[in-house]
């Protein structure tokens, strides 16, 4: 079984490297810690006895319970954020500081929690809203703030598809809209370069400024 697990792990790593999306030696590679058992993938994924979720394959971590986060309520919002969806809760299972990093594979007694700037806490009021609907109906006209967003079903991204196809989860902005936990080639695990000729290419993919 150990050989099979290691083989699957190596296939996952090789495939990821081939696509230019390696987690190896990134900030999400915990294989050097005592609690990860030298493994890279298993703190989040497992080939057996996974937690059922439609937003991540073979999920292995505990995730926060019924979410009750303080939400963003900033400038002239035309769409009201809801509690983070599962795609964001997967990230928050580390990044809200409430679940120990070593709480995976059925472990519930971990004590190592994320700290510093990577700990978003349960107060998301100072972070980009997640769980917020972004669809064609939201994009308005005139001077309303929603007119400052591109139509996600029409505007394309440098990833090759539309905003809706490439960045949204069921027409909602979630953590994965901006971050790819397996790929840190752009820094901060961003899904694309945020510099470029305009200085904020990721932001300007959605925001019509």
Protein backbone atom coordinates (compact mmCIF):
# COMPACT_ATOMS: atom_id res chain seq x y z
CA UNK A 1 0.00 0.00 0.00
CA UNK A 2 2.88 2.36 0.81
CA UNK A 3 4.37 1.63 -2.63
CA UNK A 4 1.03 2.27 -4.32
CA UNK A 5 0.56 5.53 -2.42
CA UNK A 6 4.06 6.69 -3.34
CA UNK A 7 3.53 5.71 -6.97
CA UNK A 8 0.30 7.69 -7.21
CA UNK A 9 2.00 10.62 -5.53
CA UNK A 10 4.90 10.57 -8.00
CA UNK A 11 2.53 10.34 -10.97
CA UNK A 12 0.64 13.35 -9.65
CA UNK A 13 3.86 15.32 -9.20
CA UNK A 14 5.26 14.40 -12.62
CA UNK A 15 1.98 15.29 -14.32
CA UNK A 16 1.82 18.57 -12.45
CA UNK A 17 5.40 19.47 -13.39
CA UNK A 18 4.70 18.61 -17.02
CA UNK A 19 1.87 21.13 -17.05
CA UNK A 20 4.05 23.77 -15.42
CA UNK A 21 1.99 23.64 -12.26
CA UNK A 22 4.25 21.99 -9.71
CA UNK A 23 3.52 22.32 -6.02
CA UNK A 24 7.01 20.97 -5.25
CA UNK A 25 9.09 23.46 -3.22
CA UNK A 26 6.24 25.95 -3.15
CA UNK A 27 4.70 27.43 -0.02
CA UNK A 28 2.13 24.61 -0.16
CA UNK A 29 4.78 21.87 -0.03
CA UNK A 30 4.68 20.67 3.60
CA UNK A 31 6.73 17.52 3.02
CA UNK A 32 9.56 18.93 5.13
CA UNK A 33 7.44 19.32 8.24
CA UNK A 34 7.22 16.67 10.91
CA UNK A 35 3.44 16.38 10.69
CA UNK A 36 3.20 15.75 6.92
CA UNK A 37 5.15 12.49 7.06
CA UNK A 38 7.34 13.52 4.12
CA UNK A 39 4.32 13.66 1.81
CA UNK A 40 3.42 16.55 -0.49
CA UNK A 41 -0.13 15.76 -1.60
CA UNK A 42 -1.75 14.00 1.38
CA UNK A 43 -2.24 17.08 3.60
CA UNK A 44 -4.99 17.97 1.10
CA UNK A 45 -5.66 14.87 -1.04
CA UNK A 46 -5.89 11.11 -0.58
CA UNK A 47 -6.39 8.20 -3.00
CA UNK A 48 -8.71 6.45 -0.52
CA UNK A 49 -11.48 7.34 1.95
CA UNK A 50 -11.72 10.91 0.72
CA UNK A 51 -14.19 13.51 1.92
CA UNK A 52 -17.01 13.98 -0.59
CA UNK A 53 -16.85 17.40 -2.23
CA UNK A 54 -17.52 18.51 -5.77
CA UNK A 55 -14.91 21.27 -5.60
CA UNK A 56 -11.72 19.25 -5.06
CA UNK A 57 -10.73 15.72 -6.06
CA UNK A 58 -10.12 13.19 -3.28
CA UNK A 59 -10.18 15.78 -0.50
CA UNK A 60 -8.38 14.75 2.70
CA UNK A 61 -8.65 17.72 5.05
CA UNK A 62 -11.11 18.81 7.65
CA UNK A 63 -12.90 21.97 6.53
CA UNK A 64 -14.55 24.66 8.64
CA UNK A 65 -18.02 23.82 9.91
CA UNK A 66 -21.08 25.94 9.18
CA UNK A 67 -19.42 29.10 7.87
CA UNK A 68 -20.01 32.32 9.75
CA UNK A 69 -17.53 34.83 8.38
CA UNK A 70 -17.68 38.60 8.59
CA UNK A 71 -18.12 39.55 4.94
CA UNK A 72 -16.88 42.36 2.76
CA UNK A 73 -19.30 45.28 2.52
CA UNK A 74 -17.33 47.83 0.59
CA UNK A 75 -17.81 50.45 -2.06
CA UNK A 76 -21.24 50.64 -3.68
CA UNK A 77 -21.77 46.89 -3.96
CA UNK A 78 -24.27 45.81 -6.62
CA UNK A 79 -24.09 42.17 -5.59
CA UNK A 80 -24.17 41.06 -1.97
CA UNK A 81 -21.52 38.57 -0.85
CA UNK A 82 -22.77 35.35 0.70
CA UNK A 83 -20.83 33.04 2.95
CA UNK A 84 -17.87 31.47 1.10
CA UNK A 85 -18.70 28.50 -1.09
CA UNK A 86 -17.02 25.13 -0.73
CA UNK A 87 -14.30 26.10 -3.22
CA UNK A 88 -13.26 28.87 -0.83
CA UNK A 89 -13.78 26.81 2.33
CA UNK A 90 -11.16 24.39 1.05
CA UNK A 91 -8.64 27.24 1.16
CA UNK A 92 -10.00 28.58 4.43
CA UNK A 93 -9.51 25.16 5.98
CA UNK A 94 -5.94 26.40 6.43
CA UNK A 95 -6.22 30.11 5.93
CA UNK A 96 -8.79 31.14 8.53
CA UNK A 97 -6.62 29.77 11.32
CA UNK A 98 -9.43 27.69 12.82
CA UNK A 99 -8.32 24.25 11.58
CA UNK A 100 -4.88 22.90 12.43
CA UNK A 101 -2.62 22.24 9.46
CA UNK A 102 -2.12 18.62 10.46
CA UNK A 103 -5.86 17.93 10.70
CA UNK A 104 -6.10 15.68 7.66
CA UNK A 105 -6.68 12.01 7.09
CA UNK A 106 -9.09 11.88 10.02
CA UNK A 107 -6.74 13.59 12.49
CA UNK A 108 -8.58 16.15 14.65
CA UNK A 109 -6.03 16.81 17.39
CA UNK A 110 -3.55 18.99 15.53
CA UNK A 111 -2.15 22.14 17.10
CA UNK A 112 -0.20 23.81 14.28
CA UNK A 113 -2.21 26.71 12.86
CA UNK A 114 -1.36 29.21 10.19
CA UNK A 115 -0.25 32.62 11.46
CA UNK A 116 0.74 36.06 10.27
CA UNK A 117 -0.41 37.52 6.99
CA UNK A 118 -1.53 34.14 5.69
CA UNK A 119 -4.14 33.87 8.45
CA UNK A 120 -7.23 35.62 7.08
CA UNK A 121 -9.18 34.83 10.30
CA UNK A 122 -12.97 34.70 10.23
CA UNK A 123 -13.09 38.43 9.40
CA UNK A 124 -13.13 38.67 5.60
CA UNK A 125 -14.40 42.25 5.57
CA UNK A 126 -10.98 43.51 4.50
CA UNK A 127 -10.48 40.92 1.77
CA UNK A 128 -11.77 40.68 -1.80
CA UNK A 129 -15.34 39.33 -1.57
CA UNK A 130 -15.91 35.65 -2.23
CA UNK A 131 -19.21 33.84 -2.50
CA UNK A 132 -20.40 36.77 -4.58
CA UNK A 133 -22.42 36.38 -7.78
CA UNK A 134 -20.77 37.77 -10.92
CA UNK A 135 -22.82 37.16 -14.06
CA UNK A 136 -24.18 38.93 -17.13
CA UNK A 137 -27.21 40.21 -15.21
CA UNK A 138 -24.90 42.04 -12.80
CA UNK A 139 -23.17 44.05 -15.52
CA UNK A 140 -25.16 47.25 -15.77
CA UNK A 141 -24.97 50.50 -17.66
CA UNK A 142 -24.47 54.14 -16.84
CA UNK A 143 -22.61 55.13 -13.71
CA UNK A 144 -23.46 52.21 -11.41
CA UNK A 145 -20.48 50.28 -10.11
CA UNK A 146 -21.49 47.12 -11.87
CA UNK A 147 -20.87 48.91 -15.18
CA UNK A 148 -17.22 48.86 -14.15
CA UNK A 149 -17.15 45.08 -14.58
CA UNK A 150 -16.78 43.19 -17.84
CA UNK A 151 -19.45 40.74 -18.90
CA UNK A 152 -18.01 37.43 -17.64
CA UNK A 153 -19.76 35.41 -20.34
CA UNK A 154 -18.13 37.50 -23.09
CA UNK A 155 -14.78 38.85 -21.87
CA UNK A 156 -11.93 36.42 -22.44
CA UNK A 157 -8.86 35.88 -20.27
CA UNK A 158 -5.27 35.07 -21.14
CA UNK A 159 -6.06 31.51 -19.99
CA UNK A 160 -8.03 30.98 -23.18
CA UNK A 161 -11.69 31.05 -22.18
CA UNK A 162 -14.19 33.53 -20.80
CA UNK A 163 -14.10 34.90 -17.27
CA UNK A 164 -17.03 32.66 -16.41
CA UNK A 165 -15.33 29.54 -17.76
CA UNK A 166 -11.81 30.23 -16.48
CA UNK A 167 -12.28 32.01 -13.16
CA UNK A 168 -15.76 31.59 -11.68
CA UNK A 169 -17.38 28.76 -9.74
CA UNK A 170 -21.06 28.47 -10.62
CA UNK A 171 -21.09 32.17 -11.55
CA UNK A 172 -19.49 33.16 -8.26
CA UNK A 173 -16.13 34.64 -7.32
CA UNK A 174 -14.30 32.29 -4.97
CA UNK A 175 -10.69 32.04 -3.76
CA UNK A 176 -9.87 29.89 -6.81
CA UNK A 177 -10.92 32.75 -9.10
CA UNK A 178 -7.60 34.40 -8.36
CA UNK A 179 -5.46 31.66 -6.81
CA UNK A 180 -4.24 28.26 -7.97
CA UNK A 181 -2.92 26.36 -4.93
CA UNK A 182 -0.72 24.13 -7.12
CA UNK A 183 1.00 26.79 -9.20
CA UNK A 184 3.13 29.59 -7.77
CA UNK A 185 4.90 30.65 -10.95
CA UNK A 186 3.29 34.11 -10.74
CA UNK A 187 3.77 34.55 -6.98
CA UNK A 188 1.07 34.44 -4.31
CA UNK A 189 -0.33 31.41 -6.18
CA UNK A 190 -2.06 33.75 -8.64
CA UNK A 191 -3.76 32.16 -11.63
CA UNK A 192 -2.05 34.63 -13.95
CA UNK A 193 0.57 37.35 -13.92
CA UNK A 194 -0.74 40.47 -12.20
CA UNK A 195 1.89 42.81 -13.59
CA UNK A 196 1.94 43.05 -17.38
CA UNK A 197 1.80 46.22 -19.43
CA UNK A 198 -1.03 47.65 -17.34
CA UNK A 199 0.46 46.76 -13.97
CA UNK A 200 -2.55 44.79 -12.69
CA UNK A 201 -3.49 42.37 -15.45
CA UNK A 202 -5.34 39.91 -13.20
CA UNK A 203 -7.46 42.64 -11.62
CA UNK A 204 -8.17 44.25 -14.98
CA UNK A 205 -9.38 40.96 -16.43
CA UNK A 206 -12.67 41.53 -14.60
CA UNK A 207 -12.59 45.19 -13.59
CA UNK A 208 -13.21 47.66 -16.41
CA UNK A 209 -11.03 50.54 -15.26
